[in-house]
Amino acid sequence: MINEIVVISGKGGTGKTSLTASIIPYFEDLVIADCDVDAPDLNILIKGDIVQERDFIGFQRPVIDYDKCTYCGLCQTSCNFNAISEDIIIKNATCEGCKVCEYVCPTDAITMHDTIIGKIYHRKTIFGPMIDARLIPGEESSGKLVAEVRKLARDVAYEENRNTIIIDGSPGIACNVISAITGVSKAIIVTEPTISGLHDLKKVVHLVRMFSVKAKVIINKYDLSLSKAKEIKEYLDLMGIEVILELPFDVEMVNSINNLKIPSTTDMPFFSSDEWFKFIEYLRK
């Protein structure tokens, strides 16, 4: 059975990807999956050569043959998403690909065509293969793209007999996060001791509980506000969720990221601590 570990956060900027990158060097037989498809950046720290690149088709959109169109307006009045203008032009930004316009068109002027919503990359890194993807800005169906990244990561793991997949998930609680956490072995939620950190942590805790995902929490930069860190721990205690790690703020973490270095490969004292190695052992089980 493959050990799938996902790292997520309620909000952006908590240090989720930096911590994901820091975990990776401690694993062998690893497949890396960057499922933050709206803003993928794990490949900045985990550099690798692209082995394969392909387009990802998310859904279909209508195309109008104006030689057949009589401008009757039936497609426009039938569209519940206001995706067709009065002069019968498709508005891609609001089209959901529901096919109603194709169904009601009396002259068969509308047909559905595959739509590319992003690209998927298979990279070779010194830590093992990495699958990542990039959603075209403004496109929908990020959840489907995340699901495809996870599927390909599993395929590679089975083909190469690798027993761990580490997933860098998206912040928030949208469909892309649901797609990243569903069926994983362990979830690590990264938060920070701020008002917004606690607010969004509560949302993501509710999400993982809904999907019966085994989760533990890291409080990153906990010493920036000891009172807020205490409030987070009290909330998690009520929810029965363990704070598995508290990381202090260290300017060397910032410097390592700025220098495109994985933080755990630097001389930061925390990454030599007993707490860090106990955390890594938990992930390996």
Foldseek 3Di string as FASTA:
>chain_A
DAAEEEEEALDPDLCRLLVLLLLLVVDALEEEEELQQADDDNCLQFPFAWPDKDFDFQAKDKDFQVVQDPLPCPLCVPDPQNQADSSGDGNVLRDPRPCPSCVPGPRNRIDIDTDTFWMWTWTQGPSGIYIYIHGDPSDDDSLVVSLVRVVVSVVVSVVVVRRYYYYYFYHRQDSSRVSSQAPHQEYEYRFELDPVRLVSRVVVLVRCVVRVHHYAYEYEQCVVDVVSSVVSCVVCVVVVHYHLYYHHDDVVSVVCVVVSHNSLVDPDPVNVDPSNVVVSVVSVD
